[in-house]
Amino acid sequence: MALIDQLLAVRIAFVLGIVNIVGLMLVLFSCRCILGWRPQVLQRQKWFMVFYRNHCWYWRLFLLSVFLHAMLAFVGFGNPF
């Protein structure tokens, strides 16, 4: 039995899915540890350091959106087992 309207759950899940993708891209592109990237070259770039300064916030946004997305699946659609 679902606790909220399924149409509303689908709409919110869709928006949270987009936020998940955007959050993941922000985390990946602000990370200096990705293979193939040269951190020394990036560290000299002012735009990257401004972008990198918010790396921890990107992680928080991403993890919160994934958590809310998962909780919405259980609340909106119930346990499938």
N, C-alpha and C. Protein backbone atom coordinates (compact mmCIF):
# COMPACT_ATOMS: atom_id res chain seq x y z
N MET A 1 0.84 -1.18 0.00
CA MET A 1 0.00 0.00 0.00
C MET A 1 0.89 1.24 0.00
N ALA A 2 0.63 2.14 -0.90
CA ALA A 2 1.42 3.36 -1.02
C ALA A 2 0.94 4.42 -0.03
N LEU A 3 1.87 5.19 0.50
CA LEU A 3 1.53 6.22 1.47
C LEU A 3 1.21 7.57 0.84
N ILE A 4 1.69 7.80 -0.40
CA ILE A 4 1.38 9.05 -1.10
C ILE A 4 0.88 8.71 -2.49
N ASP A 5 0.29 9.69 -3.15
CA ASP A 5 -0.23 9.51 -4.50
C ASP A 5 0.90 9.09 -5.44
N GLN A 6 0.65 8.05 -6.23
CA GLN A 6 1.72 7.53 -7.09
C GLN A 6 2.14 8.51 -8.18
N LEU A 7 1.22 9.28 -8.70
CA LEU A 7 1.59 10.27 -9.73
C LEU A 7 2.53 11.32 -9.15
N LEU A 8 2.24 11.77 -7.95
CA LEU A 8 3.13 12.72 -7.28
C LEU A 8 4.49 12.09 -7.01
N ALA A 9 4.49 10.83 -6.57
CA ALA A 9 5.75 10.13 -6.30
C ALA A 9 6.58 10.00 -7.57
N VAL A 10 5.95 9.71 -8.69
CA VAL A 10 6.67 9.58 -9.96
C VAL A 10 7.27 10.92 -10.37
N ARG A 11 6.52 11.98 -10.21
CA ARG A 11 7.03 13.31 -10.59
C ARG A 11 8.21 13.72 -9.71
N ILE A 12 8.09 13.51 -8.41
CA ILE A 12 9.19 13.86 -7.52
C ILE A 12 10.40 12.97 -7.77
N ALA A 13 10.16 11.67 -8.02
CA ALA A 13 11.26 10.75 -8.31
C ALA A 13 11.99 11.17 -9.59
N PHE A 14 11.25 11.63 -10.57
CA PHE A 14 11.86 12.08 -11.81
C PHE A 14 12.76 13.28 -11.57
N VAL A 15 12.25 14.27 -10.82
CA VAL A 15 13.05 15.46 -10.52
C VAL A 15 14.29 15.07 -9.70
N LEU A 16 14.12 14.19 -8.72
CA LEU A 16 15.26 13.76 -7.92
C LEU A 16 16.26 12.96 -8.75
N GLY A 17 15.79 12.23 -9.75
CA GLY A 17 16.69 11.53 -10.65
C GLY A 17 17.56 12.49 -11.44
N ILE A 18 16.96 13.58 -11.91
CA ILE A 18 17.73 14.62 -12.61
C ILE A 18 18.74 15.26 -11.66
N VAL A 19 18.31 15.53 -10.42
CA VAL A 19 19.23 16.11 -9.42
C VAL A 19 20.36 15.13 -9.13
N ASN A 20 20.08 13.83 -9.11
CA ASN A 20 21.12 12.82 -8.91
C ASN A 20 22.17 12.89 -10.02
N ILE A 21 21.71 12.99 -11.25
CA ILE A 21 22.65 13.04 -12.38
C ILE A 21 23.49 14.31 -12.33
N VAL A 22 22.85 15.43 -12.08
CA VAL A 22 23.58 16.71 -12.00
C VAL A 22 24.56 16.68 -10.83
N GLY A 23 24.12 16.17 -9.69
CA GLY A 23 25.01 16.07 -8.52
C GLY A 23 26.20 15.17 -8.78
N LEU A 24 25.96 14.05 -9.44
CA LEU A 24 27.06 13.14 -9.78
C LEU A 24 28.06 13.81 -10.71
N MET A 25 27.57 14.54 -11.70
CA MET A 25 28.48 15.24 -12.61
C MET A 25 29.28 16.31 -11.88
N LEU A 26 28.64 17.04 -10.98
CA LEU A 26 29.37 18.05 -10.20
C LEU A 26 30.47 17.41 -9.36
N VAL A 27 30.15 16.29 -8.72
CA VAL A 27 31.15 15.60 -7.89
C VAL A 27 32.29 15.10 -8.75
N LEU A 28 31.98 14.46 -9.86
CA LEU A 28 33.03 13.90 -10.71
C LEU A 28 33.93 14.97 -11.32
N PHE A 29 33.33 16.03 -11.82
CA PHE A 29 34.14 17.04 -12.48
C PHE A 29 34.87 17.96 -11.52
N SER A 30 34.47 17.97 -10.26
CA SER A 30 35.21 18.79 -9.28
C SER A 30 36.25 17.97 -8.54
N CYS A 31 36.33 16.68 -8.82
CA CYS A 31 37.29 15.81 -8.13
C CYS A 31 38.65 15.90 -8.81
N ARG A 32 39.68 16.03 -8.01
CA ARG A 32 41.04 16.11 -8.56
C ARG A 32 41.69 14.74 -8.66
N CYS A 33 40.98 13.70 -8.28
CA CYS A 33 41.55 12.35 -8.25
C CYS A 33 41.15 11.49 -9.43
N ILE A 34 40.39 12.03 -10.36
CA ILE A 34 39.95 11.24 -11.51
C ILE A 34 41.15 10.91 -12.38
N LEU A 35 41.26 9.64 -12.76
CA LEU A 35 42.38 9.22 -13.59
C LEU A 35 42.36 9.94 -14.93
N GLY A 36 43.50 10.29 -15.41
CA GLY A 36 43.61 10.98 -16.69
C GLY A 36 43.66 12.49 -16.55
N TRP A 37 43.23 13.01 -15.43
CA TRP A 37 43.29 14.46 -15.21
C TRP A 37 44.62 14.77 -14.55
N ARG A 38 45.18 15.88 -14.86
CA ARG A 38 46.44 16.30 -14.25
C ARG A 38 46.13 17.35 -13.19
N PRO A 39 46.17 16.94 -11.92
CA PRO A 39 45.81 17.88 -10.85
C PRO A 39 46.70 19.12 -10.81
N GLN A 40 47.97 18.98 -11.18
CA GLN A 40 48.86 20.14 -11.13
C GLN A 40 48.42 21.20 -12.13
N VAL A 41 47.99 20.77 -13.30
CA VAL A 41 47.54 21.71 -14.32
C VAL A 41 46.24 22.37 -13.88
N LEU A 42 45.33 21.58 -13.32
CA LEU A 42 44.05 22.13 -12.89
C LEU A 42 44.19 23.06 -11.69
N GLN A 43 45.11 22.75 -10.80
CA GLN A 43 45.28 23.57 -9.61
C GLN A 43 45.77 24.97 -9.96
N ARG A 44 46.38 25.13 -11.12
CA ARG A 44 46.83 26.44 -11.54
C ARG A 44 45.72 27.28 -12.17
N GLN A 45 44.62 26.64 -12.50
CA GLN A 45 43.50 27.33 -13.14
C GLN A 45 42.58 27.94 -12.09
N LYS A 46 42.36 29.23 -12.18
CA LYS A 46 41.55 29.92 -11.19
C LYS A 46 40.09 29.44 -11.22
N TRP A 47 39.53 29.21 -12.40
CA TRP A 47 38.14 28.77 -12.51
C TRP A 47 37.94 27.42 -11.84
N PHE A 48 38.94 26.51 -11.96
CA PHE A 48 38.78 25.20 -11.35
C PHE A 48 38.85 25.30 -9.83
N MET A 49 39.69 26.15 -9.31
CA MET A 49 39.79 26.27 -7.85
C MET A 49 38.51 26.88 -7.27
N VAL A 50 37.87 27.78 -8.00
CA VAL A 50 36.58 28.32 -7.55
C VAL A 50 35.53 27.20 -7.58
N PHE A 51 35.55 26.40 -8.63
CA PHE A 51 34.64 25.26 -8.76
C PHE A 51 34.93 24.19 -7.70
N TYR A 52 36.20 23.92 -7.46
CA TYR A 52 36.61 22.88 -6.51
C TYR A 52 36.30 23.28 -5.06
N ARG A 53 36.28 24.54 -4.77
CA ARG A 53 36.02 25.02 -3.41
C ARG A 53 34.69 24.50 -2.87
N ASN A 54 33.75 24.21 -3.74
CA ASN A 54 32.44 23.72 -3.33
C ASN A 54 32.29 22.21 -3.46
N HIS A 55 33.39 21.49 -3.62
CA HIS A 55 33.35 20.04 -3.83
C HIS A 55 32.60 19.32 -2.70
N CYS A 56 32.80 19.68 -1.47
CA CYS A 56 32.12 19.03 -0.34
C CYS A 56 30.61 19.27 -0.39
N TRP A 57 30.20 20.44 -0.84
CA TRP A 57 28.77 20.72 -0.97
C TRP A 57 28.14 19.90 -2.08
N TYR A 58 28.90 19.67 -3.16
CA TYR A 58 28.39 18.83 -4.24
C TYR A 58 28.12 17.42 -3.73
N TRP A 59 29.02 16.89 -2.89
CA TRP A 59 28.83 15.57 -2.30
C TRP A 59 27.56 15.54 -1.46
N ARG A 60 27.36 16.56 -0.65
CA ARG A 60 26.17 16.60 0.21
C ARG A 60 24.89 16.64 -0.62
N LEU A 61 24.87 17.46 -1.66
CA LEU A 61 23.72 17.53 -2.55
C LEU A 61 23.45 16.17 -3.18
N PHE A 62 24.49 15.53 -3.67
CA PHE A 62 24.34 14.23 -4.33
C PHE A 62 23.82 13.16 -3.36
N LEU A 63 24.43 13.05 -2.19
CA LEU A 63 24.01 12.03 -1.24
C LEU A 63 22.60 12.28 -0.72
N LEU A 64 22.25 13.52 -0.47
CA LEU A 64 20.90 13.83 -0.02
C LEU A 64 19.87 13.48 -1.10
N SER A 65 20.15 13.79 -2.34
CA SER A 65 19.20 13.50 -3.41
C SER A 65 19.05 11.99 -3.62
N VAL A 66 20.14 11.24 -3.49
CA VAL A 66 20.05 9.78 -3.60
C VAL A 66 19.23 9.20 -2.46
N PHE A 67 19.46 9.69 -1.23
CA PHE A 67 18.70 9.21 -0.08
C PHE A 67 17.21 9.51 -0.24
N LEU A 68 16.87 10.74 -0.63
CA LEU A 68 15.47 11.11 -0.81
C LEU A 68 14.82 10.31 -1.94
N HIS A 69 15.57 10.07 -3.00
CA HIS A 69 15.09 9.29 -4.13
C HIS A 69 14.74 7.86 -3.67
N ALA A 70 15.61 7.26 -2.88
CA ALA A 70 15.38 5.90 -2.39
C ALA A 70 14.21 5.86 -1.41
N MET A 71 14.14 6.82 -0.50
CA MET A 71 13.03 6.85 0.46
C MET A 71 11.69 7.06 -0.25
N LEU A 72 11.69 7.90 -1.28
CA LEU A 72 10.47 8.13 -2.03
C LEU A 72 10.00 6.84 -2.71
N ALA A 73 10.92 6.04 -3.17
CA ALA A 73 10.54 4.77 -3.80
C ALA A 73 9.82 3.87 -2.80
N PHE A 74 10.31 3.81 -1.59
CA PHE A 74 9.66 2.97 -0.57
C PHE A 74 8.33 3.56 -0.12
N VAL A 75 8.28 4.86 0.07
CA VAL A 75 7.05 5.51 0.56
C VAL A 75 6.00 5.56 -0.56
N GLY A 76 6.42 5.90 -1.76
CA GLY A 76 5.48 6.08 -2.85
C GLY A 76 4.98 4.79 -3.48
N PHE A 77 5.83 3.79 -3.50
CA PHE A 77 5.47 2.55 -4.21
C PHE A 77 5.40 1.33 -3.29
N GLY A 78 5.86 1.48 -2.05
CA GLY A 78 5.81 0.36 -1.11
C GLY A 78 6.94 -0.62 -1.35
N ASN A 79 6.97 -1.63 -0.54
CA ASN A 79 7.98 -2.67 -0.63
C ASN A 79 7.54 -3.70 -1.68
N PRO A 80 8.35 -3.96 -2.70
CA PRO A 80 7.91 -4.88 -3.76
C PRO A 80 7.96 -6.35 -3.34
N PHE A 81 8.49 -6.66 -2.16
CA PHE A 81 8.61 -8.07 -1.75
C PHE A 81 7.60 -8.39 -0.71
